[in-house]
């Protein structure tokens, strides 16, 4: 798991998009994709990588839309991103759930 050195854990755009500590952007089905995209772009600009997590089809949909929007935001900085989706188990209120995580990185110029 990547670790960030700033205080991203205090970021909130609404109750459905939040950081779990400083290293995972959590997305719900109710998250605004533009707000999540802004969070992704900000983390990428500062740290060159990000982790996005979603549980459920609606949340994964919002996360993928946010990643596409973030590409547009980062284009202004001459940056592009790629992401690698993977499954992970997370504990929520004592219950194990399967989440989709997206490892987001700066796209190398030669790709």
PDB file of N, CA and C in Angstrom:
ATOM      1  N   UNK A   1       0.839  -1.178   0.000  1.00  0.00           N
ATOM      2  CA  UNK A   1       0.000   0.000   0.000  1.00  0.00           C
ATOM      3  C   UNK A   1       0.883   1.240   0.000  1.00  0.00           C
ATOM      4  N   UNK A   2       0.533   2.209  -0.801  1.00  0.00           N
ATOM      5  CA  UNK A   2       1.309   3.437  -0.839  1.00  0.00           C
ATOM      6  C   UNK A   2       0.925   4.327   0.328  1.00  0.00           C
ATOM      7  N   UNK A   3       1.856   5.135   0.755  1.00  0.00           N
ATOM      8  CA  UNK A   3       1.579   6.058   1.845  1.00  0.00           C
ATOM      9  C   UNK A   3       1.882   7.467   1.390  1.00  0.00           C
ATOM     10  N   UNK A   4       1.004   8.402   1.749  1.00  0.00           N
ATOM     11  CA  UNK A   4       1.189   9.797   1.402  1.00  0.00           C
ATOM     12  C   UNK A   4       1.601  10.557   2.648  1.00  0.00           C
ATOM     13  N   UNK A   5       2.363  11.618   2.458  1.00  0.00           N
ATOM     14  CA  UNK A   5       2.919  12.334   3.594  1.00  0.00           C
ATOM     15  C   UNK A   5       2.120  13.568   3.980  1.00  0.00           C
ATOM     16  N   UNK A   6       0.977  13.794   3.363  1.00  0.00           N
ATOM     17  CA  UNK A   6       0.217  14.984   3.735  1.00  0.00           C
ATOM     18  C   UNK A   6      -1.024  14.600   4.530  1.00  0.00           C
ATOM     19  N   UNK A   7      -1.935  15.535   4.696  1.00  0.00           N
ATOM     20  CA  UNK A   7      -3.110  15.305   5.535  1.00  0.00           C
ATOM     21  C   UNK A   7      -4.363  15.154   4.691  1.00  0.00           C
ATOM     22  N   UNK A   8      -4.324  14.302   3.699  1.00  0.00           N
ATOM     23  CA  UNK A   8      -5.487  14.089   2.846  1.00  0.00           C
ATOM     24  C   UNK A   8      -6.661  13.503   3.611  1.00  0.00           C
ATOM     25  N   UNK A   9      -6.421  12.905   4.766  1.00  0.00           N
ATOM     26  CA  UNK A   9      -7.509  12.283   5.516  1.00  0.00           C
ATOM     27  C   UNK A   9      -8.550  13.297   5.965  1.00  0.00           C
ATOM     28  N   UNK A  10      -8.216  14.575   5.953  1.00  0.00           N
ATOM     29  CA  UNK A  10      -9.187  15.581   6.372  1.00  0.00           C
ATOM     30  C   UNK A  10     -10.072  16.049   5.225  1.00  0.00           C
ATOM     31  N   UNK A  11      -9.820  15.599   3.982  1.00  0.00           N
ATOM     32  CA  UNK A  11     -10.607  16.003   2.829  1.00  0.00           C
ATOM     33  C   UNK A  11     -11.996  15.391   2.873  1.00  0.00           C
ATOM     34  N   UNK A  12     -13.000  16.199   2.578  1.00  0.00           N
ATOM     35  CA  UNK A  12     -14.366  15.709   2.417  1.00  0.00           C
ATOM     36  C   UNK A  12     -15.045  16.554   1.342  1.00  0.00           C
ATOM     37  N   UNK A  13     -15.638  15.916   0.345  1.00  0.00           N
ATOM     38  CA  UNK A  13     -16.457  16.675  -0.600  1.00  0.00           C
ATOM     39  C   UNK A  13     -17.929  16.451  -0.287  1.00  0.00           C
ATOM     40  N   UNK A  14     -18.260  15.335   0.312  1.00  0.00           N
ATOM     41  CA  UNK A  14     -19.570  15.041   0.868  1.00  0.00           C
ATOM     42  C   UNK A  14     -19.386  13.776   1.689  1.00  0.00           C
ATOM     43  N   UNK A  15     -20.456  13.261   2.265  1.00  0.00           N
ATOM     44  CA  UNK A  15     -20.305  12.102   3.142  1.00  0.00           C
ATOM     45  C   UNK A  15     -20.029  10.811   2.384  1.00  0.00           C
ATOM     46  N   UNK A  16     -20.144  10.825   1.060  1.00  0.00           N
ATOM     47  CA  UNK A  16     -19.974   9.584   0.315  1.00  0.00           C
ATOM     48  C   UNK A  16     -18.619   9.454  -0.377  1.00  0.00           C
ATOM     49  N   UNK A  17     -17.808  10.481  -0.350  1.00  0.00           N
ATOM     50  CA  UNK A  17     -16.463  10.404  -0.902  1.00  0.00           C
ATOM     51  C   UNK A  17     -15.510  10.838   0.189  1.00  0.00           C
ATOM     52  N   UNK A  18     -14.623   9.949   0.604  1.00  0.00           N
ATOM     53  CA  UNK A  18     -13.725  10.292   1.686  1.00  0.00           C
ATOM     54  C   UNK A  18     -12.436   9.509   1.563  1.00  0.00           C
ATOM     55  N   UNK A  19     -11.466   9.930   2.327  1.00  0.00           N
ATOM     56  CA  UNK A  19     -10.196   9.227   2.371  1.00  0.00           C
ATOM     57  C   UNK A  19     -10.180   8.341   3.594  1.00  0.00           C
ATOM     58  N   UNK A  20      -9.685   7.136   3.454  1.00  0.00           N
ATOM     59  CA  UNK A  20      -9.486   6.221   4.562  1.00  0.00           C
ATOM     60  C   UNK A  20      -8.034   6.373   4.965  1.00  0.00           C
ATOM     61  N   UNK A  21      -7.788   7.281   5.883  1.00  0.00           N
ATOM     62  CA  UNK A  21      -6.403   7.624   6.138  1.00  0.00           C
ATOM     63  C   UNK A  21      -5.893   8.376   4.929  1.00  0.00           C
ATOM     64  N   UNK A  22      -4.600   8.514   4.823  1.00  0.00           N
ATOM     65  CA  UNK A  22      -4.083   9.333   3.731  1.00  0.00           C
ATOM     66  C   UNK A  22      -3.847   8.600   2.418  1.00  0.00           C
ATOM     67  N   UNK A  23      -4.275   7.318   2.283  1.00  0.00           N
ATOM     68  CA  UNK A  23      -3.841   6.633   1.070  1.00  0.00           C
ATOM     69  C   UNK A  23      -4.902   6.007   0.186  1.00  0.00           C
ATOM     70  N   UNK A  24      -6.176   6.061   0.524  1.00  0.00           N
ATOM     71  CA  UNK A  24      -7.206   5.466  -0.329  1.00  0.00           C
ATOM     72  C   UNK A  24      -8.361   6.449  -0.493  1.00  0.00           C
ATOM     73  N   UNK A  25      -8.729   6.730  -1.737  1.00  0.00           N
ATOM     74  CA  UNK A  25      -9.901   7.554  -2.025  1.00  0.00           C
ATOM     75  C   UNK A  25     -11.075   6.597  -2.142  1.00  0.00           C
ATOM     76  N   UNK A  26     -12.040   6.715  -1.229  1.00  0.00           N
ATOM     77  CA  UNK A  26     -13.210   5.832  -1.252  1.00  0.00           C
ATOM     78  C   UNK A  26     -14.329   6.487  -2.045  1.00  0.00           C
ATOM     79  N   UNK A  27     -14.973   5.681  -2.874  1.00  0.00           N
ATOM     80  CA  UNK A  27     -16.039   6.174  -3.739  1.00  0.00           C
ATOM     81  C   UNK A  27     -17.294   5.357  -3.480  1.00  0.00           C
ATOM     82  N   UNK A  28     -18.440   6.031  -3.384  1.00  0.00           N
ATOM     83  CA  UNK A  28     -19.721   5.335  -3.258  1.00  0.00           C
ATOM     84  C   UNK A  28     -20.554   5.607  -4.504  1.00  0.00           C
ATOM     85  N   UNK A  29     -21.682   4.943  -4.595  1.00  0.00           N
ATOM     86  CA  UNK A  29     -22.586   5.156  -5.726  1.00  0.00           C
ATOM     87  C   UNK A  29     -23.131   6.581  -5.736  1.00  0.00           C
ATOM     88  N   UNK A  30     -23.134   7.244  -4.579  1.00  0.00           N
ATOM     89  CA  UNK A  30     -23.655   8.607  -4.466  1.00  0.00           C
ATOM     90  C   UNK A  30     -22.584   9.673  -4.649  1.00  0.00           C
ATOM     91  N   UNK A  31     -21.340   9.276  -4.803  1.00  0.00           N
ATOM     92  CA  UNK A  31     -20.250  10.239  -4.980  1.00  0.00           C
ATOM     93  C   UNK A  31     -20.418  10.999  -6.289  1.00  0.00           C
ATOM     94  N   UNK A  32     -20.093  12.282  -6.251  1.00  0.00           N
ATOM     95  CA  UNK A  32     -20.090  13.084  -7.478  1.00  0.00           C
ATOM     96  C   UNK A  32     -18.798  12.774  -8.231  1.00  0.00           C
ATOM     97  N   UNK A  33     -18.921  12.299  -9.450  1.00  0.00           N
ATOM     98  CA  UNK A  33     -17.735  11.891 -10.210  1.00  0.00           C
ATOM     99  C   UNK A  33     -16.769  13.047 -10.429  1.00  0.00           C
ATOM    100  N   UNK A  34     -17.272  14.268 -10.577  1.00  0.00           N
ATOM    101  CA  UNK A  34     -16.379  15.415 -10.767  1.00  0.00           C
ATOM    102  C   UNK A  34     -15.585  15.719  -9.499  1.00  0.00           C
ATOM    103  N   UNK A  35     -16.206  15.554  -8.339  1.00  0.00           N
ATOM    104  CA  UNK A  35     -15.496  15.781  -7.077  1.00  0.00           C
ATOM    105  C   UNK A  35     -14.424  14.716  -6.860  1.00  0.00           C
ATOM    106  N   UNK A  36     -14.765  13.471  -7.159  1.00  0.00           N
ATOM    107  CA  UNK A  36     -13.783  12.388  -7.040  1.00  0.00           C
ATOM    108  C   UNK A  36     -12.641  12.622  -8.028  1.00  0.00           C
ATOM    109  N   UNK A  37     -12.972  13.052  -9.239  1.00  0.00           N
ATOM    110  CA  UNK A  37     -11.945  13.337 -10.247  1.00  0.00           C
ATOM    111  C   UNK A  37     -10.990  14.419  -9.760  1.00  0.00           C
ATOM    112  N   UNK A  38     -11.530  15.446  -9.123  1.00  0.00           N
ATOM    113  CA  UNK A  38     -10.684  16.504  -8.574  1.00  0.00           C
ATOM    114  C   UNK A  38      -9.755  15.979  -7.500  1.00  0.00           C
ATOM    115  N   UNK A  39     -10.271  15.087  -6.659  1.00  0.00           N
ATOM    116  CA  UNK A  39      -9.438  14.487  -5.616  1.00  0.00           C
ATOM    117  C   UNK A  39      -8.334  13.633  -6.238  1.00  0.00           C
ATOM    118  N   UNK A  40      -8.687  12.839  -7.231  1.00  0.00           N
ATOM    119  CA  UNK A  40      -7.692  12.001  -7.912  1.00  0.00           C
ATOM    120  C   UNK A  40      -6.614  12.879  -8.545  1.00  0.00           C
ATOM    121  N   UNK A  41      -7.036  13.907  -9.274  1.00  0.00           N
ATOM    122  CA  UNK A  41      -6.076  14.790  -9.944  1.00  0.00           C
ATOM    123  C   UNK A  41      -5.154  15.465  -8.934  1.00  0.00           C
ATOM    124  N   UNK A  42      -5.708  15.910  -7.817  1.00  0.00           N
ATOM    125  CA  UNK A  42      -4.890  16.555  -6.791  1.00  0.00           C
ATOM    126  C   UNK A  42      -3.846  15.625  -6.208  1.00  0.00           C
ATOM    127  N   UNK A  43      -4.256  14.397  -5.916  1.00  0.00           N
ATOM    128  CA  UNK A  43      -3.316  13.418  -5.359  1.00  0.00           C
ATOM    129  C   UNK A  43      -2.250  13.062  -6.397  1.00  0.00           C
ATOM    130  N   UNK A  44      -2.653  12.887  -7.643  1.00  0.00           N
ATOM    131  CA  UNK A  44      -1.692  12.562  -8.702  1.00  0.00           C
ATOM    132  C   UNK A  44      -0.682  13.692  -8.873  1.00  0.00           C
ATOM    133  N   UNK A  45      -1.154  14.932  -8.880  1.00  0.00           N
ATOM    134  CA  UNK A  45      -0.233  16.062  -9.033  1.00  0.00           C
ATOM    135  C   UNK A  45       0.801  16.090  -7.911  1.00  0.00           C
ATOM    136  N   UNK A  46       0.351  15.801  -6.713  1.00  0.00           N
ATOM    137  CA  UNK A  46       1.240  15.898  -5.554  1.00  0.00           C
ATOM    138  C   UNK A  46       2.116  14.664  -5.356  1.00  0.00           C
ATOM    139  N   UNK A  47       1.550  13.471  -5.591  1.00  0.00           N
ATOM    140  CA  UNK A  47       2.265  12.241  -5.228  1.00  0.00           C
ATOM    141  C   UNK A  47       2.611  11.333  -6.398  1.00  0.00           C
ATOM    142  N   UNK A  48       2.079  11.646  -7.587  1.00  0.00           N
ATOM    143  CA  UNK A  48       2.347  10.859  -8.793  1.00  0.00           C
ATOM    144  C   UNK A  48       1.671   9.489  -8.803  1.00  0.00           C
ATOM    145  N   UNK A  49       0.868   9.172  -7.800  1.00  0.00           N
ATOM    146  CA  UNK A  49       0.109   7.915  -7.750  1.00  0.00           C
ATOM    147  C   UNK A  49      -1.059   8.095  -6.786  1.00  0.00           C
ATOM    148  N   UNK A  50      -2.077   7.234  -6.929  1.00  0.00           N
ATOM    149  CA  UNK A  50      -3.247   7.280  -6.048  1.00  0.00           C
ATOM    150  C   UNK A  50      -3.879   5.898  -5.998  1.00  0.00           C
ATOM    151  N   UNK A  51      -4.694   5.679  -4.991  1.00  0.00           N
ATOM    152  CA  UNK A  51      -5.497   4.455  -4.861  1.00  0.00           C
ATOM    153  C   UNK A  51      -6.956   4.884  -4.733  1.00  0.00           C
ATOM    154  N   UNK A  52      -7.822   4.275  -5.523  1.00  0.00           N
ATOM    155  CA  UNK A  52      -9.257   4.562  -5.491  1.00  0.00           C
ATOM    156  C   UNK A  52      -9.962   3.254  -5.172  1.00  0.00           C
ATOM    157  N   UNK A  53     -10.931   3.299  -4.253  1.00  0.00           N
ATOM    158  CA  UNK A  53     -11.640   2.079  -3.842  1.00  0.00           C
ATOM    159  C   UNK A  53     -13.140   2.256  -4.008  1.00  0.00           C
ATOM    160  N   UNK A  54     -13.799   1.201  -4.505  1.00  0.00           N
ATOM    161  CA  UNK A  54     -15.246   1.213  -4.689  1.00  0.00           C
ATOM    162  C   UNK A  54     -15.813  -0.158  -4.341  1.00  0.00           C
ATOM    163  N   UNK A  55     -16.990  -0.151  -3.718  1.00  0.00           N
ATOM    164  CA  UNK A  55     -17.690  -1.397  -3.393  1.00  0.00           C
ATOM    165  C   UNK A  55     -19.074  -1.319  -4.016  1.00  0.00           C
ATOM    166  N   UNK A  56     -19.376  -2.248  -4.914  1.00  0.00           N
ATOM    167  CA  UNK A  56     -20.677  -2.285  -5.573  1.00  0.00           C
ATOM    168  C   UNK A  56     -20.616  -1.685  -6.967  1.00  0.00           C
ATOM    169  N   UNK A  57     -21.565  -2.111  -7.788  1.00  0.00           N
ATOM    170  CA  UNK A  57     -21.578  -1.704  -9.196  1.00  0.00           C
ATOM    171  C   UNK A  57     -21.711  -0.196  -9.370  1.00  0.00           C
ATOM    172  N   UNK A  58     -22.591   0.431  -8.605  1.00  0.00           N
ATOM    173  CA  UNK A  58     -22.782   1.877  -8.719  1.00  0.00           C
ATOM    174  C   UNK A  58     -21.534   2.652  -8.345  1.00  0.00           C
ATOM    175  N   UNK A  59     -20.855   2.205  -7.306  1.00  0.00           N
ATOM    176  CA  UNK A  59     -19.625   2.866  -6.868  1.00  0.00           C
ATOM    177  C   UNK A  59     -18.509   2.681  -7.892  1.00  0.00           C
ATOM    178  N   UNK A  60     -18.403   1.476  -8.451  1.00  0.00           N
ATOM    179  CA  UNK A  60     -17.383   1.227  -9.476  1.00  0.00           C
ATOM    180  C   UNK A  60     -17.661   2.100 -10.698  1.00  0.00           C
ATOM    181  N   UNK A  61     -18.922   2.250 -11.070  1.00  0.00           N
ATOM    182  CA  UNK A  61     -19.299   3.118 -12.181  1.00  0.00           C
ATOM    183  C   UNK A  61     -18.835   4.550 -11.928  1.00  0.00           C
ATOM    184  N   UNK A  62     -19.106   5.083 -10.741  1.00  0.00           N
ATOM    185  CA  UNK A  62     -18.703   6.448 -10.409  1.00  0.00           C
ATOM    186  C   UNK A  62     -17.182   6.582 -10.415  1.00  0.00           C
ATOM    187  N   UNK A  63     -16.487   5.563  -9.930  1.00  0.00           N
ATOM    188  CA  UNK A  63     -15.023   5.603  -9.892  1.00  0.00           C
ATOM    189  C   UNK A  63     -14.440   5.641 -11.303  1.00  0.00           C
ATOM    190  N   UNK A  64     -14.972   4.809 -12.192  1.00  0.00           N
ATOM    191  CA  UNK A  64     -14.462   4.781 -13.569  1.00  0.00           C
ATOM    192  C   UNK A  64     -14.745   6.108 -14.268  1.00  0.00           C
ATOM    193  N   UNK A  65     -15.938   6.671 -14.064  1.00  0.00           N
ATOM    194  CA  UNK A  65     -16.234   7.986 -14.643  1.00  0.00           C
ATOM    195  C   UNK A  65     -15.273   9.035 -14.095  1.00  0.00           C
ATOM    196  N   UNK A  66     -15.004   8.979 -12.796  1.00  0.00           N
ATOM    197  CA  UNK A  66     -14.084   9.936 -12.175  1.00  0.00           C
ATOM    198  C   UNK A  66     -12.679   9.815 -12.753  1.00  0.00           C
ATOM    199  N   UNK A  67     -12.234   8.603 -12.999  1.00  0.00           N
ATOM    200  CA  UNK A  67     -10.908   8.409 -13.593  1.00  0.00           C
ATOM    201  C   UNK A  67     -10.845   9.023 -14.994  1.00  0.00           C
ATOM    202  N   UNK A  68     -11.900   8.862 -15.769  1.00  0.00           N
ATOM    203  CA  UNK A  68     -11.940   9.455 -17.110  1.00  0.00           C
ATOM    204  C   UNK A  68     -11.933  10.980 -17.030  1.00  0.00           C
ATOM    205  N   UNK A  69     -12.693  11.534 -16.101  1.00  0.00           N
ATOM    206  CA  UNK A  69     -12.739  12.990 -15.924  1.00  0.00           C
ATOM    207  C   UNK A  69     -11.391  13.508 -15.429  1.00  0.00           C
ATOM    208  N   UNK A  70     -10.759  12.774 -14.523  1.00  0.00           N
ATOM    209  CA  UNK A  70      -9.450  13.179 -13.991  1.00  0.00           C
ATOM    210  C   UNK A  70      -8.417  13.294 -15.109  1.00  0.00           C
ATOM    211  N   UNK A  71      -8.504  12.428 -16.101  1.00  0.00           N
ATOM    212  CA  UNK A  71      -7.580  12.529 -17.245  1.00  0.00           C
ATOM    213  C   UNK A  71      -7.694  13.904 -17.892  1.00  0.00           C
ATOM    214  N   UNK A  72      -8.920  14.393 -18.034  1.00  0.00           N
ATOM    215  CA  UNK A  72      -9.120  15.727 -18.604  1.00  0.00           C
ATOM    216  C   UNK A  72      -8.551  16.818 -17.718  1.00  0.00           C
ATOM    217  N   UNK A  73      -8.751  16.703 -16.409  1.00  0.00           N
ATOM    218  CA  UNK A  73      -8.200  17.691 -15.482  1.00  0.00           C
ATOM    219  C   UNK A  73      -6.673  17.709 -15.556  1.00  0.00           C
ATOM    220  N   UNK A  74      -6.065  16.546 -15.645  1.00  0.00           N
ATOM    221  CA  UNK A  74      -4.603  16.447 -15.644  1.00  0.00           C
ATOM    222  C   UNK A  74      -3.984  16.824 -16.987  1.00  0.00           C
ATOM    223  N   UNK A  75      -4.791  16.781 -18.041  1.00  0.00           N
ATOM    224  CA  UNK A  75      -4.299  17.154 -19.367  1.00  0.00           C
ATOM    225  C   UNK A  75      -3.779  18.587 -19.364  1.00  0.00           C
ATOM    226  N   UNK A  76      -4.398  19.446 -18.554  1.00  0.00           N
ATOM    227  CA  UNK A  76      -3.963  20.847 -18.436  1.00  0.00           C
ATOM    228  C   UNK A  76      -2.527  20.946 -17.928  1.00  0.00           C
ATOM    229  N   UNK A  77      -2.088  19.919 -17.193  1.00  0.00           N
ATOM    230  CA  UNK A  77      -0.729  19.884 -16.641  1.00  0.00           C
ATOM    231  C   UNK A  77       0.196  18.997 -17.476  1.00  0.00           C
ATOM    232  N   UNK A  78      -0.256  18.643 -18.671  1.00  0.00           N
ATOM    233  CA  UNK A  78       0.498  17.733 -19.552  1.00  0.00           C
ATOM    234  C   UNK A  78       0.803  16.405 -18.879  1.00  0.00           C
ATOM    235  N   UNK A  79      -0.157  15.902 -18.114  1.00  0.00           N
ATOM    236  CA  UNK A  79      -0.045  14.600 -17.461  1.00  0.00           C
ATOM    237  C   UNK A  79      -1.150  13.692 -17.973  1.00  0.00           C
ATOM    238  N   UNK A  80      -0.870  12.407 -18.032  1.00  0.00           N
ATOM    239  CA  UNK A  80      -1.892  11.415 -18.339  1.00  0.00           C
ATOM    240  C   UNK A  80      -1.752  10.298 -17.316  1.00  0.00           C
ATOM    241  N   UNK A  81      -2.832   9.563 -17.089  1.00  0.00           N
ATOM    242  CA  UNK A  81      -2.816   8.496 -16.092  1.00  0.00           C
ATOM    243  C   UNK A  81      -3.232   7.169 -16.713  1.00  0.00           C
ATOM    244  N   UNK A  82      -2.809   6.125 -16.070  1.00  0.00           N
ATOM    245  CA  UNK A  82      -3.270   4.770 -16.352  1.00  0.00           C
ATOM    246  C   UNK A  82      -3.683   4.173 -15.018  1.00  0.00           C
ATOM    247  N   UNK A  83      -4.578   3.180 -15.067  1.00  0.00           N
ATOM    248  CA  UNK A  83      -4.957   2.548 -13.806  1.00  0.00           C
ATOM    249  C   UNK A  83      -5.072   1.048 -13.973  1.00  0.00           C
ATOM    250  N   UNK A  84      -4.787   0.364 -12.873  1.00  0.00           N
ATOM    251  CA  UNK A  84      -4.838  -1.089 -12.817  1.00  0.00           C
ATOM    252  C   UNK A  84      -5.896  -1.477 -11.789  1.00  0.00           C
ATOM    253  N   UNK A  85      -7.023  -2.064 -12.219  1.00  0.00           N
ATOM    254  CA  UNK A  85      -8.046  -2.491 -11.253  1.00  0.00           C
ATOM    255  C   UNK A  85      -7.701  -3.855 -10.663  1.00  0.00           C
ATOM    256  N   UNK A  86      -8.051  -4.032  -9.390  1.00  0.00           N
ATOM    257  CA  UNK A  86      -7.861  -5.332  -8.742  1.00  0.00           C
ATOM    258  C   UNK A  86      -8.866  -5.472  -7.606  1.00  0.00           C
ATOM    259  N   UNK A  87      -9.132  -6.713  -7.220  1.00  0.00           N
ATOM    260  CA  UNK A  87     -10.042  -6.993  -6.112  1.00  0.00           C
ATOM    261  C   UNK A  87      -9.258  -7.053  -4.812  1.00  0.00           C
ATOM    262  N   UNK A  88      -9.908  -6.608  -3.738  1.00  0.00           N
ATOM    263  CA  UNK A  88      -9.322  -6.700  -2.410  1.00  0.00           C
ATOM    264  C   UNK A  88     -10.444  -6.909  -1.399  1.00  0.00           C
ATOM    265  N   UNK A  89     -10.131  -7.565  -0.317  1.00  0.00           N
ATOM    266  CA  UNK A  89     -11.105  -7.771   0.758  1.00  0.00           C
ATOM    267  C   UNK A  89     -10.925  -6.668   1.792  1.00  0.00           C
ATOM    268  N   UNK A  90     -12.040  -6.067   2.215  1.00  0.00           N
ATOM    269  CA  UNK A  90     -11.997  -5.021   3.232  1.00  0.00           C
ATOM    270  C   UNK A  90     -12.980  -5.364   4.341  1.00  0.00           C
ATOM    271  N   UNK A  91     -12.672  -4.917   5.541  1.00  0.00           N
ATOM    272  CA  UNK A  91     -13.544  -5.137   6.691  1.00  0.00           C
ATOM    273  C   UNK A  91     -14.386  -3.892   6.907  1.00  0.00           C
ATOM    274  N   UNK A  92     -15.706  -4.053   6.857  1.00  0.00           N
ATOM    275  CA  UNK A  92     -16.626  -2.947   7.104  1.00  0.00           C
ATOM    276  C   UNK A  92     -17.585  -3.384   8.195  1.00  0.00           C
ATOM    277  N   UNK A  93     -17.494  -2.720   9.339  1.00  0.00           N
ATOM    278  CA  UNK A  93     -18.348  -3.044  10.488  1.00  0.00           C
ATOM    279  C   UNK A  93     -18.307  -4.532  10.824  1.00  0.00           C
ATOM    280  N   UNK A  94     -17.115  -5.100  10.801  1.00  0.00           N
ATOM    281  CA  UNK A  94     -16.951  -6.501  11.164  1.00  0.00           C
ATOM    282  C   UNK A  94     -17.296  -7.498  10.078  1.00  0.00           C
ATOM    283  N   UNK A  95     -17.706  -7.019   8.915  1.00  0.00           N
ATOM    284  CA  UNK A  95     -18.029  -7.920   7.807  1.00  0.00           C
ATOM    285  C   UNK A  95     -17.014  -7.746   6.687  1.00  0.00           C
ATOM    286  N   UNK A  96     -16.583  -8.859   6.128  1.00  0.00           N
ATOM    287  CA  UNK A  96     -15.641  -8.810   5.021  1.00  0.00           C
ATOM    288  C   UNK A  96     -16.394  -8.573   3.719  1.00  0.00           C
ATOM    289  N   UNK A  97     -15.945  -7.562   2.972  1.00  0.00           N
ATOM    290  CA  UNK A  97     -16.556  -7.221   1.686  1.00  0.00           C
ATOM    291  C   UNK A  97     -15.478  -7.211   0.610  1.00  0.00           C
ATOM    292  N   UNK A  98     -15.893  -7.483  -0.611  1.00  0.00           N
ATOM    293  CA  UNK A  98     -14.966  -7.405  -1.737  1.00  0.00           C
ATOM    294  C   UNK A  98     -15.075  -6.020  -2.354  1.00  0.00           C
ATOM    295  N   UNK A  99     -13.949  -5.364  -2.483  1.00  0.00           N
ATOM    296  CA  UNK A  99     -13.892  -4.035  -3.090  1.00  0.00           C
ATOM    297  C   UNK A  99     -13.077  -4.118  -4.372  1.00  0.00           C
ATOM    298  N   UNK A 100     -13.340  -3.176  -5.253  1.00  0.00           N
ATOM    299  CA  UNK A 100     -12.490  -2.992  -6.421  1.00  0.00           C
ATOM    300  C   UNK A 100     -11.599  -1.799  -6.114  1.00  0.00           C
ATOM    301  N   UNK A 101     -10.309  -2.001  -6.256  1.00  0.00           N
ATOM    302  CA  UNK A 101      -9.354  -0.905  -6.079  1.00  0.00           C
ATOM    303  C   UNK A 101      -8.717  -0.608  -7.426  1.00  0.00           C
ATOM    304  N   UNK A 102      -8.424   0.657  -7.626  1.00  0.00           N
ATOM    305  CA  UNK A 102      -7.753   1.116  -8.836  1.00  0.00           C
ATOM    306  C   UNK A 102      -6.425   1.735  -8.427  1.00  0.00           C
ATOM    307  N   UNK A 103      -5.343   1.127  -8.860  1.00  0.00           N
ATOM    308  CA  UNK A 103      -4.014   1.702  -8.649  1.00  0.00           C
ATOM    309  C   UNK A 103      -3.794   2.670  -9.803  1.00  0.00           C
ATOM    310  N   UNK A 104      -3.638   3.943  -9.500  1.00  0.00           N
ATOM    311  CA  UNK A 104      -3.547   4.986 -10.521  1.00  0.00           C
ATOM    312  C   UNK A 104      -2.121   5.537 -10.540  1.00  0.00           C
ATOM    313  N   UNK A 105      -1.547   5.594 -11.725  1.00  0.00           N
ATOM    314  CA  UNK A 105      -0.162   6.057 -11.890  1.00  0.00           C
ATOM    315  C   UNK A 105      -0.080   7.031 -13.063  1.00  0.00           C
ATOM    316  N   UNK A 106       0.981   7.820 -13.073  1.00  0.00           N
ATOM    317  CA  UNK A 106       1.275   8.671 -14.227  1.00  0.00           C
ATOM    318  C   UNK A 106       1.625   7.766 -15.406  1.00  0.00           C
ATOM    319  N   UNK A 107       1.066   8.070 -16.548  1.00  0.00           N
ATOM    320  CA  UNK A 107       1.353   7.289 -17.763  1.00  0.00           C
ATOM    321  C   UNK A 107       2.706   7.710 -18.314  1.00  0.00           C
ATOM    322  N   UNK A 108       3.603   6.756 -18.498  1.00  0.00           N
ATOM    323  CA  UNK A 108       4.901   7.100 -19.100  1.00  0.00           C
ATOM    324  C   UNK A 108       4.695   7.665 -20.504  1.00  0.00           C
ATOM    325  N   UNK A 109       5.506   8.623 -20.910  1.00  0.00           N
ATOM    326  CA  UNK A 109       5.314   9.275 -22.212  1.00  0.00           C
ATOM    327  C   UNK A 109       5.421   8.339 -23.408  1.00  0.00           C
ATOM    328  N   UNK A 110       6.098   7.214 -23.271  1.00  0.00           N
ATOM    329  CA  UNK A 110       6.294   6.327 -24.423  1.00  0.00           C
ATOM    330  C   UNK A 110       5.169   5.328 -24.630  1.00  0.00           C
ATOM    331  N   UNK A 111       4.112   5.367 -23.819  1.00  0.00           N
ATOM    332  CA  UNK A 111       2.991   4.431 -24.006  1.00  0.00           C
ATOM    333  C   UNK A 111       1.935   5.014 -24.914  1.00  0.00           C
TER     334      UNK A 111
END
